[in-house]
């Protein structure tokens, strides 16, 4: 019990400082790093060389994340300076002026498309600036792109969380191979994939509706969640337009394309419906006048500066984002291109850092950041920009990246030390695994309800659904066996791990810092997490209930899932904030 409480300490430090006390991620993660390192060395007896190596690995990982942040902000600034943002904004306004419709199209569908193509926080880096350009408050933009970091994430980056994360937990394990025989590990992985897709589809179909409610609750003039629910027809249509093809593709094609192709199908269907006026709410929702916005809503990037005498067609103005998606798909799905960009010659690698087994690598040419920078250069030709204009965008982007650097340079090393904290003599497991084992011991037969939370914990800690799955997939399978579940039921438990790991991305510090940085919201991470905790909690509980329904076959769990959705929407509807007082004329 003592070790469990001590292992929980770094997470509690982050939660109390960042969420409760609303301190910056920079301060919170700095304190958490010190606490984690001290615990690892003096309590867990982790070798100091391992702590040092994990820290170096974390710093290198943080630099790769900052590279993505720089690329995303540079593309945004390039579009701003060129005047293309004006045309993009007008294009979305022509689809629908309703902010609920816009957030569904840009965050839920376009964001999911980016997630399916690239993953690793890219949807936040691309979607948040786009929403900002459309006239969303910076806080609303960040909240929106983080909330959708759930359903598509398990199949993000062309299926990496499944093909690398979950597969590492079930492949090359003698006990797993014996239990699943005559099935091969890849066949069993496909079974898990189908369960993941089903649970995500049944849970995620409500996310567009919840997102609309959060948007109106926190950023509407009336501060009413109910105002968002008035868009229920369009929200549910958009939810189904993505999740139905998403599930079918997972069953037919496997884990590589559900998010990418499902979002593409959903995007076409939803934009078409919006243009034709189908399922749209009777009243249009918009934010209060800008002069009435709270200071907490605002970032440091001023999109009002995005004015130009030049005029571009919507297609021309939006073409850089089309090129980004196309390049992401090409670099991730064409084996020859991927092999070249990830070859040893294109990889910076440190092996056996400080004589430990920890290695670190960076593939900058394969990074989404490189693609974003490349497309920003292409924009010079597309929009007829001068080098002086482009240089201005580069300068502004460097300033933003430097502002985001301290939080990430502290957060990621803390995470790496936490993960690599196992005792040198093998007497103690790493802190995350001790937490998971303690939770399993307490939960017993109710474990499937807790499985998503272990996945979410892993994502919160590691900043990645893939890493969470790598840490806990085998543990989840073993726990399922310990509570006497069969192989098919165990596949559902592992699926719940992957689903929870995806939901954890909503509150993952890496994602929060990066998303905030690209819209100029540094040192406000706690405020962001306070908003994304609500949908994350909904997702974790709902996934657990659906998982229990699939495992037990008892209708009561399915009814409980429906009741939980209704209860969540009702509770949120009852929670109203203070309405914005109109400014005197």
Protein backbone atom coordinates (compact mmCIF):
# COMPACT_ATOMS: atom_id res chain seq x y z
CA UNK A 1 0.00 0.00 0.00
CA UNK A 2 2.83 2.39 0.88
CA UNK A 3 4.46 1.95 -2.52
CA UNK A 4 1.11 2.51 -4.22
CA UNK A 5 0.63 5.81 -2.41
CA UNK A 6 4.18 6.87 -3.18
CA UNK A 7 3.77 5.91 -6.86
CA UNK A 8 0.64 8.05 -6.94
CA UNK A 9 2.51 11.08 -5.56
CA UNK A 10 3.85 12.48 -8.90
CA UNK A 11 0.37 12.32 -10.44
CA UNK A 12 -1.19 13.96 -7.40
CA UNK A 13 1.43 16.72 -7.55
CA UNK A 14 0.51 17.45 -11.17
CA UNK A 15 -3.23 17.30 -10.46
CA UNK A 16 -3.15 19.51 -7.37
CA UNK A 17 -0.79 22.12 -8.77
CA UNK A 18 -2.12 22.28 -12.32
CA UNK A 19 -5.83 21.49 -11.98
CA UNK A 20 -6.77 22.46 -8.43
CA UNK A 21 -4.38 25.38 -7.86
CA UNK A 22 -4.29 26.35 -11.56
CA UNK A 23 -0.54 26.68 -11.70
CA UNK A 24 1.29 26.49 -15.00
CA UNK A 25 2.42 23.20 -16.50
CA UNK A 26 5.96 24.55 -16.29
CA UNK A 27 5.83 24.81 -12.48
CA UNK A 28 3.69 21.68 -12.00
CA UNK A 29 5.86 19.42 -14.13
CA UNK A 30 9.05 20.87 -12.68
CA UNK A 31 7.96 19.97 -9.15
CA UNK A 32 6.66 16.59 -10.36
CA UNK A 33 10.01 15.84 -12.03
CA UNK A 34 11.91 16.48 -8.79
CA UNK A 35 9.45 14.34 -6.78
CA UNK A 36 9.61 11.51 -9.33
CA UNK A 37 13.40 11.53 -9.55
CA UNK A 38 13.80 11.52 -5.76
CA UNK A 39 11.32 8.66 -5.37
CA UNK A 40 13.00 6.67 -8.12
CA UNK A 41 16.50 7.03 -6.66
CA UNK A 42 15.87 6.87 -2.91
CA UNK A 43 12.73 4.69 -2.62
CA UNK A 44 12.66 2.53 -5.76
CA UNK A 45 16.48 2.25 -5.80
CA UNK A 46 16.54 3.01 -9.50
CA UNK A 47 20.06 3.49 -10.80
CA UNK A 48 20.95 7.18 -11.12
CA UNK A 49 22.26 6.40 -14.61
CA UNK A 50 18.77 5.15 -15.56
CA UNK A 51 17.19 8.35 -14.21
CA UNK A 52 19.71 10.40 -16.17
CA UNK A 53 19.17 8.37 -19.35
CA UNK A 54 15.39 8.63 -19.03
CA UNK A 55 15.76 12.39 -18.59
CA UNK A 56 17.87 12.69 -21.74
CA UNK A 57 15.37 10.55 -23.65
CA UNK A 58 12.60 12.83 -22.42
CA UNK A 59 14.46 15.95 -23.53
CA UNK A 60 14.95 14.53 -27.02
CA UNK A 61 11.28 13.57 -27.23
CA UNK A 62 10.30 17.07 -26.07
CA UNK A 63 12.43 18.61 -28.82
CA UNK A 64 10.59 16.49 -31.42
CA UNK A 65 7.27 17.76 -30.02
CA UNK A 66 8.49 21.36 -30.16
CA UNK A 67 9.43 20.75 -33.79
CA UNK A 68 5.77 19.89 -34.50
CA UNK A 69 4.57 22.95 -32.57
CA UNK A 70 6.91 25.18 -34.59
CA UNK A 71 5.70 23.71 -37.89
CA UNK A 72 2.03 24.09 -36.98
CA UNK A 73 2.40 27.70 -35.83
CA UNK A 74 4.54 28.56 -38.87
CA UNK A 75 1.88 27.29 -41.26
CA UNK A 76 -0.76 29.26 -39.39
CA UNK A 77 1.35 32.43 -39.43
CA UNK A 78 2.10 31.95 -43.12
CA UNK A 79 -1.61 31.75 -43.91
CA UNK A 80 -2.25 34.76 -41.68
CA UNK A 81 0.41 36.95 -43.28
CA UNK A 82 -0.63 35.96 -46.81
CA UNK A 83 -4.28 36.78 -46.18
CA UNK A 84 -5.42 33.21 -46.93
CA UNK A 85 -7.04 32.90 -43.49
CA UNK A 86 -9.64 35.46 -44.54
CA UNK A 87 -10.76 33.19 -47.39
CA UNK A 88 -10.70 30.06 -45.20
CA UNK A 89 -12.84 31.76 -42.60
CA UNK A 90 -15.31 32.88 -45.23
CA UNK A 91 -15.44 29.39 -46.72
CA UNK A 92 -16.49 27.83 -43.44
CA UNK A 93 -18.94 30.64 -42.81
CA UNK A 94 -20.52 29.84 -46.17
CA UNK A 95 -20.97 26.20 -45.09
CA UNK A 96 -22.66 27.37 -41.89
CA UNK A 97 -22.25 30.39 -39.62
CA UNK A 98 -23.29 28.21 -36.65
CA UNK A 99 -20.30 27.65 -34.38
CA UNK A 100 -21.63 24.23 -33.33
CA UNK A 101 -21.61 23.07 -36.93
CA UNK A 102 -18.14 24.52 -37.51
CA UNK A 103 -16.64 22.82 -34.47
CA UNK A 104 -18.07 19.47 -35.56
CA UNK A 105 -16.67 19.80 -39.09
CA UNK A 106 -13.24 21.17 -38.14
CA UNK A 107 -12.51 19.44 -34.81
CA UNK A 108 -14.51 16.19 -34.92
CA UNK A 109 -14.14 15.29 -38.61
CA UNK A 110 -11.13 17.16 -40.02
CA UNK A 111 -9.29 16.59 -36.72
CA UNK A 112 -10.06 12.87 -36.87
CA UNK A 113 -8.78 12.76 -40.46
CA UNK A 114 -5.50 14.33 -39.33
CA UNK A 115 -5.34 11.92 -36.37
CA UNK A 116 -5.84 8.94 -38.64
CA UNK A 117 -3.09 10.17 -40.94
CA UNK A 118 -0.49 11.31 -38.45
CA UNK A 119 -1.48 11.08 -34.78
CA UNK A 120 0.94 12.14 -32.04
CA UNK A 121 -0.79 15.44 -31.28
CA UNK A 122 -0.94 16.69 -34.87
CA UNK A 123 -4.75 17.25 -34.82
CA UNK A 124 -4.29 19.77 -32.03
CA UNK A 125 -1.43 21.43 -33.89
CA UNK A 126 -3.51 21.78 -37.06
CA UNK A 127 -7.11 22.02 -35.81
CA UNK A 128 -6.67 24.53 -32.97
CA UNK A 129 -5.13 27.24 -35.19
CA UNK A 130 -7.80 26.65 -37.81
CA UNK A 131 -10.59 27.16 -35.27
CA UNK A 132 -8.79 30.25 -34.00
CA UNK A 133 -8.71 31.58 -37.52
CA UNK A 134 -12.46 31.02 -37.80
CA UNK A 135 -13.01 33.37 -34.86
CA UNK A 136 -13.15 30.90 -31.98
CA UNK A 137 -11.75 31.99 -28.62
CA UNK A 138 -8.34 30.41 -28.09
CA UNK A 139 -9.57 28.44 -25.07
CA UNK A 140 -12.55 27.11 -27.03
CA UNK A 141 -10.28 26.05 -29.89
CA UNK A 142 -7.95 24.13 -27.58
CA UNK A 143 -10.78 22.48 -25.63
CA UNK A 144 -12.47 21.36 -28.84
CA UNK A 145 -9.45 19.72 -30.46
CA UNK A 146 -8.59 17.95 -27.21
CA UNK A 147 -12.09 16.56 -26.69
CA UNK A 148 -11.99 14.79 -30.04
CA UNK A 149 -8.66 13.23 -29.04
CA UNK A 150 -10.55 10.09 -28.10
CA UNK A 151 -12.48 8.11 -30.70
CA UNK A 152 -9.98 8.37 -33.59
CA UNK A 153 -6.82 7.99 -31.47
CA UNK A 154 -6.72 4.17 -31.22
CA UNK A 155 -6.34 4.03 -34.99
CA UNK A 156 -4.28 7.19 -35.28
CA UNK A 157 -1.02 7.39 -37.22
CA UNK A 158 -2.26 4.63 -39.54
CA UNK A 159 -3.02 2.23 -36.68
CA UNK A 160 0.19 2.68 -34.66
CA UNK A 161 -1.44 2.37 -31.18
CA UNK A 162 -2.74 -1.06 -32.21
CA UNK A 163 0.03 -2.32 -34.51
CA UNK A 164 2.85 -1.21 -32.21
CA UNK A 165 1.21 -0.61 -28.82
CA UNK A 166 -1.21 -3.51 -28.32
CA UNK A 167 0.78 -5.91 -30.52
CA UNK A 168 3.85 -5.52 -28.29
CA UNK A 169 1.73 -6.69 -25.37
CA UNK A 170 0.50 -9.91 -26.95
CA UNK A 171 3.25 -10.83 -29.42
CA UNK A 172 6.26 -12.93 -28.42
CA UNK A 173 4.59 -13.94 -25.14
CA UNK A 174 4.65 -17.71 -24.59
CA UNK A 175 1.64 -17.75 -22.25
CA UNK A 176 -0.46 -15.64 -24.63
CA UNK A 177 0.47 -17.83 -27.61
CA UNK A 178 -0.49 -20.99 -25.70
CA UNK A 179 -3.83 -19.59 -24.55
CA UNK A 180 -4.95 -18.21 -27.93
CA UNK A 181 -3.81 -21.26 -29.97
CA UNK A 182 -4.53 -22.19 -32.71
CA UNK A 183 -4.98 -18.46 -33.41
CA UNK A 184 -1.88 -16.49 -34.34
CA UNK A 185 -1.11 -13.21 -32.50
CA UNK A 186 -2.11 -11.11 -35.53
CA UNK A 187 -5.46 -12.89 -35.73
CA UNK A 188 -6.02 -12.18 -32.06
CA UNK A 189 -4.96 -8.59 -32.60
CA UNK A 190 -7.66 -8.24 -35.26
CA UNK A 191 -10.23 -9.51 -32.77
CA UNK A 192 -9.07 -6.82 -30.32
CA UNK A 193 -9.19 -4.24 -33.11
CA UNK A 194 -12.83 -5.04 -33.84
CA UNK A 195 -13.71 -4.74 -30.14
CA UNK A 196 -11.87 -1.41 -29.92
CA UNK A 197 -13.76 -0.08 -32.93
CA UNK A 198 -17.12 -1.23 -31.55
CA UNK A 199 -16.59 0.28 -28.08
CA UNK A 200 -15.26 3.53 -29.56
CA UNK A 201 -18.16 3.73 -32.01
CA UNK A 202 -20.80 3.18 -29.32
CA UNK A 203 -19.13 5.68 -26.98
CA UNK A 204 -17.81 8.23 -29.46
CA UNK A 205 -21.08 8.72 -31.34
CA UNK A 206 -22.11 11.07 -28.52
CA UNK A 207 -18.90 13.14 -28.57
CA UNK A 208 -20.07 15.72 -31.18
CA UNK A 209 -23.19 16.35 -29.08
CA UNK A 210 -21.18 16.69 -25.87
CA UNK A 211 -18.71 18.95 -27.66
CA UNK A 212 -21.52 21.27 -28.76
CA UNK A 213 -22.80 21.41 -25.19
CA UNK A 214 -19.37 22.22 -23.77
CA UNK A 215 -18.91 24.94 -26.39
CA UNK A 216 -22.14 26.73 -25.46
CA UNK A 217 -21.71 26.09 -21.72
CA UNK A 218 -18.28 27.64 -21.43
CA UNK A 219 -18.23 30.12 -24.32
CA UNK A 220 -21.84 31.06 -25.07
CA UNK A 221 -23.46 34.30 -23.95
CA UNK A 222 -25.99 32.30 -21.88
CA UNK A 223 -23.46 29.77 -20.51
CA UNK A 224 -25.98 27.02 -21.19
CA UNK A 225 -25.10 23.40 -22.01
CA UNK A 226 -28.67 22.95 -23.26
CA UNK A 227 -28.04 25.46 -26.03
CA UNK A 228 -25.54 23.02 -27.48
CA UNK A 229 -28.00 20.13 -27.28
CA UNK A 230 -30.32 22.01 -29.64
CA UNK A 231 -27.96 20.92 -32.41
CA UNK A 232 -28.64 17.27 -31.55
CA UNK A 233 -29.84 16.23 -35.01
CA UNK A 234 -26.72 17.46 -36.76
CA UNK A 235 -24.41 16.30 -33.95
CA UNK A 236 -25.78 12.74 -33.94
CA UNK A 237 -25.71 12.65 -37.75
CA UNK A 238 -22.04 13.70 -37.68
CA UNK A 239 -21.34 11.13 -34.98
CA UNK A 240 -22.90 8.32 -37.03
CA UNK A 241 -21.36 9.58 -40.29
CA UNK A 242 -17.94 8.92 -38.78
CA UNK A 243 -18.40 5.98 -36.40
CA UNK A 244 -20.40 3.67 -38.70
CA UNK A 245 -17.83 3.61 -41.56
CA UNK A 246 -15.10 3.67 -38.88
CA UNK A 247 -16.36 0.35 -37.43
CA UNK A 248 -16.99 -1.26 -40.82
CA UNK A 249 -13.49 -0.34 -42.04
CA UNK A 250 -11.92 -1.75 -38.86
CA UNK A 251 -13.68 -5.08 -39.43
CA UNK A 252 -12.95 -5.25 -43.16
CA UNK A 253 -9.52 -3.63 -43.50
CA UNK A 254 -7.97 -3.83 -40.03
CA UNK A 255 -6.39 -1.13 -37.85
CA UNK A 256 -4.64 1.11 -40.39
CA UNK A 257 -7.53 3.06 -41.90
CA UNK A 258 -10.64 3.29 -39.64
CA UNK A 259 -9.97 6.84 -38.43
CA UNK A 260 -8.58 8.17 -41.69
CA UNK A 261 -11.20 6.79 -44.08
CA UNK A 262 -14.06 6.97 -41.56
CA UNK A 263 -13.38 10.69 -41.03
CA UNK A 264 -13.08 11.28 -44.77
CA UNK A 265 -16.47 9.64 -45.40
CA UNK A 266 -17.95 11.53 -42.46
CA UNK A 267 -16.50 14.83 -43.68
CA UNK A 268 -18.05 14.45 -47.13
CA UNK A 269 -21.45 13.45 -45.73
CA UNK A 270 -21.55 16.12 -43.04
CA UNK A 271 -20.37 19.05 -45.18
CA UNK A 272 -22.90 18.04 -47.85
CA UNK A 273 -25.67 17.91 -45.25
CA UNK A 274 -24.68 21.30 -43.81
CA UNK A 275 -24.62 22.95 -47.25
CA UNK A 276 -28.08 21.58 -48.00
CA UNK A 277 -29.40 22.68 -44.62
CA UNK A 278 -30.14 19.14 -43.44
CA UNK A 279 -30.40 18.48 -39.68
CA UNK A 280 -29.27 22.03 -38.83
CA UNK A 281 -30.64 23.71 -35.68
CA UNK A 282 -33.31 26.35 -36.19
CA UNK A 283 -31.34 29.05 -34.39
CA UNK A 284 -27.73 29.92 -35.20
CA UNK A 285 -25.29 29.95 -32.29
CA UNK A 286 -22.43 32.40 -32.15
CA UNK A 287 -20.07 33.62 -29.47
CA UNK A 288 -20.72 36.93 -27.71
CA UNK A 289 -19.14 40.02 -29.29
CA UNK A 290 -15.35 39.88 -28.97
CA UNK A 291 -15.23 42.86 -26.63
CA UNK A 292 -17.29 40.84 -24.12
CA UNK A 293 -14.96 37.85 -24.10
CA UNK A 294 -13.30 36.97 -20.82
CA UNK A 295 -9.54 37.37 -20.63
CA UNK A 296 -9.29 33.65 -19.78
CA UNK A 297 -10.62 32.83 -23.26
CA UNK A 298 -7.85 34.66 -25.08
CA UNK A 299 -4.40 33.66 -26.26
CA UNK A 300 -1.53 35.81 -27.41
CA UNK A 301 -2.01 35.13 -31.13
CA UNK A 302 -4.17 37.79 -32.73
CA UNK A 303 -5.99 36.42 -35.73
CA UNK A 304 -7.66 39.76 -36.26
CA UNK A 305 -4.43 40.75 -37.90
CA UNK A 306 -5.13 38.26 -40.63
CA UNK A 307 -6.18 40.90 -43.10
CA UNK A 308 -4.93 41.35 -46.62
CA UNK A 309 -5.88 43.16 -49.74
CA UNK A 310 -5.30 39.92 -51.65
CA UNK A 311 -8.28 37.69 -52.32
CA UNK A 312 -8.06 33.94 -52.79
CA UNK A 313 -10.63 31.34 -53.61
CA UNK A 314 -11.56 29.02 -50.75
CA UNK A 315 -10.00 26.06 -52.56
CA UNK A 316 -6.74 27.93 -53.08
CA UNK A 317 -6.66 29.20 -49.49
CA UNK A 318 -7.41 25.76 -48.01
CA UNK A 319 -5.04 23.91 -50.35
CA UNK A 320 -2.11 23.92 -47.86
CA UNK A 321 -4.16 21.77 -45.46
CA UNK A 322 -5.07 19.42 -48.31
CA UNK A 323 -1.36 19.14 -49.15
CA UNK A 324 -0.57 18.43 -45.47
CA UNK A 325 -3.11 15.57 -45.35
CA UNK A 326 -1.90 14.20 -48.69
CA UNK A 327 1.76 14.23 -47.60
CA UNK A 328 0.89 12.63 -44.26
CA UNK A 329 -0.95 9.83 -46.05
CA UNK A 330 1.87 9.32 -48.59
CA UNK A 331 4.62 9.24 -45.97
CA UNK A 332 2.68 6.87 -43.72
CA UNK A 333 1.16 4.46 -46.23
CA UNK A 334 3.75 4.15 -49.04
CA UNK A 335 6.32 1.62 -47.75
CA UNK A 336 9.20 2.91 -49.90
CA UNK A 337 8.70 6.54 -48.83
CA UNK A 338 8.29 5.58 -45.17
CA UNK A 339 11.37 3.37 -45.28
CA UNK A 340 13.47 6.21 -46.74
CA UNK A 341 12.29 8.81 -44.18
CA UNK A 342 12.80 6.43 -41.26
CA UNK A 343 16.06 4.89 -42.50
CA UNK A 344 19.17 4.93 -40.27
CA UNK A 345 20.61 7.71 -42.43
CA UNK A 346 17.57 9.90 -41.63
CA UNK A 347 17.50 9.01 -37.92
CA UNK A 348 19.36 10.71 -35.10
CA UNK A 349 19.91 8.03 -32.47
CA UNK A 350 21.51 7.71 -29.07
CA UNK A 351 21.87 4.09 -27.97
CA UNK A 352 22.46 2.78 -24.46
CA UNK A 353 22.50 6.25 -22.89
CA UNK A 354 24.89 6.37 -19.90
CA UNK A 355 25.45 2.64 -20.27
CA UNK A 356 21.78 1.77 -19.71
CA UNK A 357 19.32 -0.07 -21.94
CA UNK A 358 17.53 3.23 -22.70
CA UNK A 359 17.93 4.55 -26.22
CA UNK A 360 16.48 7.59 -27.91
CA UNK A 361 15.93 8.59 -31.51
CA UNK A 362 14.49 11.42 -33.55
CA UNK A 363 13.27 11.23 -37.15
CA UNK A 364 12.78 14.85 -38.11
CA UNK A 365 12.13 14.18 -41.80
CA UNK A 366 9.33 11.77 -40.86
CA UNK A 367 7.89 14.18 -38.31
CA UNK A 368 4.61 16.01 -39.06
CA UNK A 369 6.58 19.13 -38.16
CA UNK A 370 8.75 18.72 -41.27
CA UNK A 371 5.67 18.37 -43.46
CA UNK A 372 4.10 21.46 -41.93
CA UNK A 373 7.30 23.47 -42.50
CA UNK A 374 7.58 22.17 -46.06
CA UNK A 375 3.99 23.16 -46.84
CA UNK A 376 4.57 26.60 -45.32
CA UNK A 377 7.38 27.05 -47.88
CA UNK A 378 5.05 25.90 -50.66
CA UNK A 379 2.66 28.65 -49.52
CA UNK A 380 5.18 31.26 -50.75
CA UNK A 381 4.41 30.14 -54.29
CA UNK A 382 0.70 29.42 -53.78
CA UNK A 383 -0.04 32.89 -52.39
CA UNK A 384 2.70 34.92 -54.05
CA UNK A 385 4.33 35.88 -50.76
CA UNK A 386 7.54 37.85 -50.39
CA UNK A 387 10.47 36.49 -48.40
CA UNK A 388 9.99 39.39 -45.99
CA UNK A 389 6.43 38.27 -45.30
CA UNK A 390 7.54 34.69 -44.77
CA UNK A 391 10.37 35.78 -42.47
CA UNK A 392 7.85 37.60 -40.32
CA UNK A 393 5.92 34.35 -39.93
CA UNK A 394 9.11 32.46 -39.01
CA UNK A 395 10.04 35.05 -36.37
CA UNK A 396 6.60 34.93 -34.73
CA UNK A 397 6.65 31.13 -34.75
CA UNK A 398 10.05 30.93 -33.06
CA UNK A 399 8.76 33.17 -30.26
CA UNK A 400 5.74 30.88 -29.74
CA UNK A 401 7.88 27.73 -29.74
CA UNK A 402 10.29 29.18 -27.18
CA UNK A 403 7.33 30.07 -24.95
CA UNK A 404 6.10 26.47 -25.05
CA UNK A 405 9.54 24.93 -24.53
CA UNK A 406 9.92 25.06 -20.71
CA UNK A 407 6.72 23.10 -20.00
CA UNK A 408 7.52 20.33 -22.48
CA UNK A 409 11.21 20.17 -21.53
CA UNK A 410 10.12 19.44 -17.95
CA UNK A 411 7.00 17.33 -18.60
CA UNK A 412 8.45 14.70 -20.91
CA UNK A 413 11.55 13.91 -18.83
CA UNK A 414 9.33 13.51 -15.74
CA UNK A 415 7.22 11.02 -17.66
CA UNK A 416 10.23 9.05 -18.84
CA UNK A 417 11.67 8.79 -15.31
CA UNK A 418 8.25 7.67 -14.05
CA UNK A 419 8.05 4.92 -16.67
CA UNK A 420 11.65 3.74 -16.15
CA UNK A 421 11.54 3.70 -12.34
CA UNK A 422 11.80 -0.06 -11.78
CA UNK A 423 14.25 -1.12 -9.07
CA UNK A 424 17.73 -2.03 -10.26
CA UNK A 425 17.53 -5.47 -8.61
CA UNK A 426 14.06 -6.21 -9.96
CA UNK A 427 12.45 -6.17 -6.51
CA UNK A 428 10.03 -3.37 -7.43
CA UNK A 429 8.13 -2.77 -10.64
CA UNK A 430 7.95 0.70 -12.17
CA UNK A 431 5.56 3.18 -10.61
CA UNK A 432 2.87 2.93 -13.34
CA UNK A 433 2.80 -0.86 -13.12
CA UNK A 434 2.51 -0.79 -9.32
CA UNK A 435 -0.47 1.55 -9.62
CA UNK A 436 -2.12 -0.75 -12.16
CA UNK A 437 -1.51 -3.87 -10.05
CA UNK A 438 -2.99 -2.20 -6.98
CA UNK A 439 -6.07 -1.16 -8.92
CA UNK A 440 -6.54 -4.73 -10.20
CA UNK A 441 -6.25 -6.14 -6.68
CA UNK A 442 -9.01 -3.84 -5.44
CA UNK A 443 -11.35 -4.20 -8.46
CA UNK A 444 -11.60 -7.99 -8.71
CA UNK A 445 -14.47 -9.08 -11.00
CA UNK A 446 -15.35 -5.45 -11.65
CA UNK A 447 -12.01 -5.00 -13.41
CA UNK A 448 -13.48 -4.26 -16.89
CA UNK A 449 -14.99 -1.09 -15.42
CA UNK A 450 -11.50 -0.03 -14.32
CA UNK A 451 -9.60 -1.13 -17.43
CA UNK A 452 -10.21 2.11 -19.39
CA UNK A 453 -8.91 4.16 -16.47
CA UNK A 454 -5.60 2.30 -16.46
CA UNK A 455 -5.33 3.06 -20.16
CA UNK A 456 -6.18 6.71 -19.50
CA UNK A 457 -3.60 6.83 -16.71
CA UNK A 458 -0.98 5.49 -19.10
CA UNK A 459 -1.83 8.11 -21.73
CA UNK A 460 -1.88 10.89 -19.14
CA UNK A 461 1.54 9.84 -17.93
CA UNK A 462 3.20 8.95 -21.22
CA UNK A 463 1.45 11.38 -23.55
CA UNK A 464 0.66 8.61 -25.99
CA UNK A 465 -1.98 5.93 -26.50
CA UNK A 466 0.72 3.82 -28.14
CA UNK A 467 3.01 3.95 -25.10
CA UNK A 468 0.08 3.34 -22.75
CA UNK A 469 -0.81 0.21 -24.71
CA UNK A 470 2.82 -0.93 -24.69
CA UNK A 471 2.95 -0.54 -20.91
CA UNK A 472 -0.36 -2.13 -19.99
CA UNK A 473 -1.73 -4.42 -22.75
CA UNK A 474 -0.04 -7.54 -21.43
CA UNK A 475 -0.95 -6.57 -17.86
CA UNK A 476 -4.61 -6.17 -18.91
CA UNK A 477 -4.60 -9.58 -20.61
CA UNK A 478 -3.05 -11.23 -17.55
CA UNK A 479 -5.52 -9.57 -15.19
CA UNK A 480 -8.42 -10.77 -17.34
CA UNK A 481 -7.08 -14.32 -17.03
CA UNK A 482 -6.74 -13.96 -13.26
CA UNK A 483 -10.46 -13.15 -12.92
CA UNK A 484 -11.29 -16.24 -15.03
CA UNK A 485 -12.34 -14.55 -18.27
CA UNK A 486 -12.05 -16.58 -21.47
CA UNK A 487 -9.92 -15.59 -24.47
CA UNK A 488 -12.74 -13.70 -26.21
CA UNK A 489 -13.58 -11.81 -23.03
CA UNK A 490 -9.89 -11.06 -22.42
CA UNK A 491 -9.73 -9.48 -25.89
CA UNK A 492 -12.46 -7.07 -24.78
CA UNK A 493 -10.47 -6.14 -21.65
CA UNK A 494 -7.40 -5.39 -23.77
CA UNK A 495 -9.67 -3.38 -26.07
CA UNK A 496 -10.85 -1.35 -23.07
CA UNK A 497 -7.19 -0.57 -22.34
CA UNK A 498 -6.80 0.86 -25.85
CA UNK A 499 -10.06 2.81 -25.62
CA UNK A 500 -9.12 4.29 -22.25
CA UNK A 501 -5.66 5.12 -23.55
CA UNK A 502 -7.29 7.09 -26.36
CA UNK A 503 -9.59 8.97 -23.97
CA UNK A 504 -6.61 9.87 -21.79
CA UNK A 505 -5.30 12.01 -24.63
CA UNK A 506 -7.90 14.64 -23.68
CA UNK A 507 -6.00 15.43 -20.48
CA UNK A 508 -2.49 14.35 -21.45
CA UNK A 509 -0.08 17.12 -20.44
CA UNK A 510 1.91 16.82 -23.68
CA UNK A 511 -1.17 17.40 -25.81
CA UNK A 512 -2.51 20.16 -23.58
CA UNK A 513 0.76 22.09 -23.66
CA UNK A 514 1.21 21.64 -27.41
CA UNK A 515 -2.40 22.58 -28.25
CA UNK A 516 -2.22 25.61 -26.01
CA UNK A 517 1.10 26.69 -27.47
CA UNK A 518 -0.09 26.81 -31.08
CA UNK A 519 -2.80 29.35 -30.18
CA UNK A 520 -0.68 31.34 -27.76
CA UNK A 521 -2.06 29.96 -24.48
CA UNK A 522 0.97 29.20 -22.35
CA UNK A 523 0.82 28.71 -18.58
CA UNK A 524 -2.96 28.09 -18.69
CA UNK A 525 -2.87 24.33 -18.91
CA UNK A 526 -4.75 23.76 -15.66
CA UNK A 527 -7.76 25.72 -16.93
CA UNK A 528 -7.79 23.59 -20.07
CA UNK A 529 -7.62 20.28 -18.19
CA UNK A 530 -10.50 21.34 -15.90
CA UNK A 531 -12.70 21.49 -19.00
CA UNK A 532 -11.50 18.30 -20.71
CA UNK A 533 -11.77 16.23 -17.52
CA UNK A 534 -15.56 16.18 -17.91
CA UNK A 535 -15.73 14.47 -21.33
CA UNK A 536 -12.81 12.22 -20.38
CA UNK A 537 -14.73 11.02 -17.32
CA UNK A 538 -17.80 10.39 -19.47
CA UNK A 539 -15.73 8.40 -21.94
CA UNK A 540 -14.01 6.23 -19.35
CA UNK A 541 -17.21 5.32 -17.52
CA UNK A 542 -19.19 4.73 -20.71
CA UNK A 543 -16.49 2.51 -22.22
CA UNK A 544 -16.40 0.44 -19.03
CA UNK A 545 -20.17 -0.08 -19.06
CA UNK A 546 -20.19 -1.06 -22.72
CA UNK A 547 -17.23 -3.38 -22.13
CA UNK A 548 -19.11 -5.11 -19.29
CA UNK A 549 -22.14 -5.49 -21.55
CA UNK A 550 -20.01 -7.19 -24.21
CA UNK A 551 -18.20 -9.41 -21.68
CA UNK A 552 -21.21 -10.55 -19.65
CA UNK A 553 -23.90 -10.41 -22.32
CA UNK A 554 -26.23 -8.97 -19.69
CA UNK A 555 -28.61 -6.31 -20.94
CA UNK A 556 -28.42 -4.47 -17.62
CA UNK A 557 -24.98 -3.10 -18.52
CA UNK A 558 -26.25 -1.83 -21.87
CA UNK A 559 -29.16 -0.14 -20.12
CA UNK A 560 -26.70 1.33 -17.62
CA UNK A 561 -24.70 2.83 -20.51
CA UNK A 562 -27.82 4.50 -21.91
CA UNK A 563 -28.77 5.76 -18.46
CA UNK A 564 -25.24 7.10 -17.89
CA UNK A 565 -25.33 9.06 -21.16
CA UNK A 566 -28.73 10.53 -20.29
CA UNK A 567 -27.59 11.31 -16.73
CA UNK A 568 -24.41 13.01 -17.95
CA UNK A 569 -26.32 15.20 -20.39
CA UNK A 570 -28.94 16.01 -17.74
CA UNK A 571 -26.38 16.91 -15.07
CA UNK A 572 -24.48 19.10 -17.52
CA UNK A 573 -27.73 20.76 -18.61
CA UNK A 574 -28.50 21.65 -15.00
CA UNK A 575 -25.08 23.24 -14.56
CA UNK A 576 -25.29 26.82 -15.80
CA UNK A 577 -22.75 29.57 -15.55
CA UNK A 578 -23.26 33.27 -15.18
CA UNK A 579 -24.56 34.75 -18.43
CA UNK A 580 -22.48 37.35 -20.21
CA UNK A 581 -23.87 40.82 -19.51
CA UNK A 582 -24.24 42.77 -22.76
CA UNK A 583 -22.16 45.92 -22.98
CA UNK A 584 -24.21 49.15 -22.83
CA UNK A 585 -24.88 50.71 -26.21
